[in-house]
Protein backbone atom coordinates (compact mmCIF):
# COMPACT_ATOMS: atom_id res chain seq x y z
CA MET A 1 0.39 -34.25 93.93
CA GLN A 2 4.17 -34.21 93.75
CA GLY A 3 4.25 -35.29 90.10
CA MET A 4 2.61 -38.71 90.53
CA LEU A 5 -0.41 -37.66 88.51
CA SER A 6 1.18 -35.18 86.11
CA GLY A 7 4.19 -37.34 85.26
CA LEU A 8 6.66 -34.65 86.38
CA LEU A 9 8.13 -37.30 88.66
CA PRO A 10 9.88 -39.79 86.32
CA ASP A 11 9.26 -43.54 86.56
CA SER A 12 12.91 -43.94 87.58
CA GLN A 13 12.02 -42.34 90.95
CA ILE A 14 9.37 -44.97 91.72
CA SER A 15 10.48 -48.38 92.97
CA ALA A 16 8.81 -51.41 94.53
CA SER A 17 9.71 -54.61 96.33
CA SER A 18 7.83 -56.70 93.77
CA MET A 19 5.07 -56.54 91.19
CA ARG A 20 2.31 -59.08 90.73
CA ASP A 21 1.74 -58.12 87.09
CA ILE A 22 4.72 -59.15 84.94
CA HIS A 23 3.62 -56.66 82.27
CA GLY A 24 3.59 -53.73 84.66
CA ALA A 25 6.17 -51.19 85.62
CA THR A 26 6.53 -49.16 88.78
CA GLY A 27 5.15 -46.19 86.84
CA ALA A 28 1.84 -48.04 86.95
CA ALA A 29 1.60 -46.85 90.58
CA ARG A 30 0.69 -43.39 89.34
CA LEU A 31 -2.79 -42.08 90.04
CA VAL A 32 -5.30 -42.61 87.27
CA ALA A 33 -2.67 -44.55 85.28
CA SER A 34 -3.95 -46.31 82.18
CA ARG A 35 -1.86 -49.30 83.27
CA SER A 36 -2.97 -51.84 85.86
CA GLY A 37 -1.52 -50.22 89.00
CA TRP A 38 0.90 -51.57 91.59
CA PHE A 39 0.19 -54.26 94.12
CA PRO A 40 2.59 -56.72 95.77
CA SER A 41 3.48 -60.01 94.14
CA PRO A 42 2.43 -62.44 96.87
CA THR A 43 -1.33 -62.85 97.17
CA GLN A 44 -0.98 -62.66 100.97
CA PRO A 45 2.10 -60.44 101.51
CA VAL A 46 3.91 -60.55 104.83
CA ALA A 47 3.61 -57.22 106.65
CA GLY A 48 6.73 -55.11 106.23
CA GLU A 49 8.21 -57.18 103.40
CA GLU A 50 6.43 -55.49 100.50
CA TRP A 51 6.78 -51.78 99.74
CA LEU A 52 6.30 -49.02 97.20
CA GLN A 53 8.82 -46.17 97.33
CA VAL A 54 8.63 -42.73 95.75
CA ASP A 55 11.79 -40.61 95.68
CA LEU A 56 10.66 -36.99 95.60
CA GLY A 57 14.22 -35.86 94.81
CA VAL A 58 14.42 -33.15 97.46
CA PRO A 59 12.89 -32.84 100.94
CA LYS A 60 9.23 -31.83 100.65
CA THR A 61 6.30 -31.54 103.00
CA VAL A 62 3.68 -34.20 102.27
CA ARG A 63 0.27 -33.39 103.71
CA GLY A 64 -1.66 -36.41 102.47
CA ILE A 65 -1.53 -39.69 100.60
CA ILE A 66 -4.02 -40.79 97.95
CA THR A 67 -4.45 -44.46 97.10
CA GLN A 68 -6.62 -46.22 94.55
CA GLY A 69 -7.35 -49.80 93.59
CA ALA A 70 -5.84 -51.50 90.56
CA ARG A 71 -7.60 -53.33 87.79
CA GLY A 72 -6.41 -56.40 85.92
CA VAL A 73 -4.24 -56.14 82.81
CA ASP A 74 -7.16 -57.00 80.56
CA GLY A 75 -9.16 -54.06 81.93
CA SER A 76 -11.84 -56.39 83.28
CA THR A 77 -13.95 -55.11 86.13
CA SER A 78 -14.66 -58.54 87.63
CA ALA A 79 -13.81 -58.90 91.32
CA GLU A 80 -10.97 -61.37 90.71
CA ASN A 81 -9.20 -58.84 88.46
CA ARG A 82 -9.19 -56.01 90.99
CA ALA A 83 -6.68 -55.43 93.74
CA PHE A 84 -6.64 -53.09 96.70
CA VAL A 85 -3.92 -52.52 99.25
CA ARG A 86 -6.08 -52.11 102.33
CA LYS A 87 -3.47 -51.43 105.00
CA TYR A 88 -0.06 -49.83 104.96
CA LYS A 89 2.27 -47.79 107.12
CA LEU A 90 4.01 -44.62 105.99
CA SER A 91 7.69 -43.99 106.52
CA HIS A 92 10.22 -41.49 105.24
CA SER A 93 13.95 -41.19 104.73
CA LEU A 94 16.32 -38.44 103.69
CA ASN A 95 19.04 -40.84 102.55
CA GLY A 96 17.15 -43.96 101.38
CA LYS A 97 18.76 -46.10 104.10
CA ASP A 98 17.51 -44.88 107.47
CA TRP A 99 13.70 -44.98 107.64
CA SER A 100 11.30 -43.55 110.23
CA TYR A 101 7.58 -44.19 110.46
CA ILE A 102 5.19 -41.25 110.41
CA ILE A 103 3.73 -41.31 113.94
CA ASP A 104 0.14 -40.38 114.75
CA SER A 105 0.30 -37.75 117.50
CA LYS A 106 -2.97 -38.97 119.07
CA THR A 107 -2.16 -42.69 119.31
CA ASN A 108 1.66 -42.59 119.18
CA LEU A 109 1.45 -45.44 116.63
CA PRO A 110 2.70 -45.47 113.03
CA LYS A 111 0.22 -43.98 110.57
């Protein structure tokens, strides 16, 4: 899991366009984090303007992506305190400036 679960990937290699929770940190994007998780600041984000970036440090082959919902800061399980990113596109870069979408070979559309 490339260090996102184990913590081998430091928080400094995780960045985001924004965070809705002012008490959070980008490290909250880790799987099974005890913190609230990452989700974009605007309630209705504009497609392509919000992002979560993970710098793996060196080129690696990624065979899958795991996502999970976030819970509110207070740990409540009520519906208004949960957040889920339902749709996203995957892209990659070797230099952090030039980005390419991962293309689905069957549809020729970004995954």
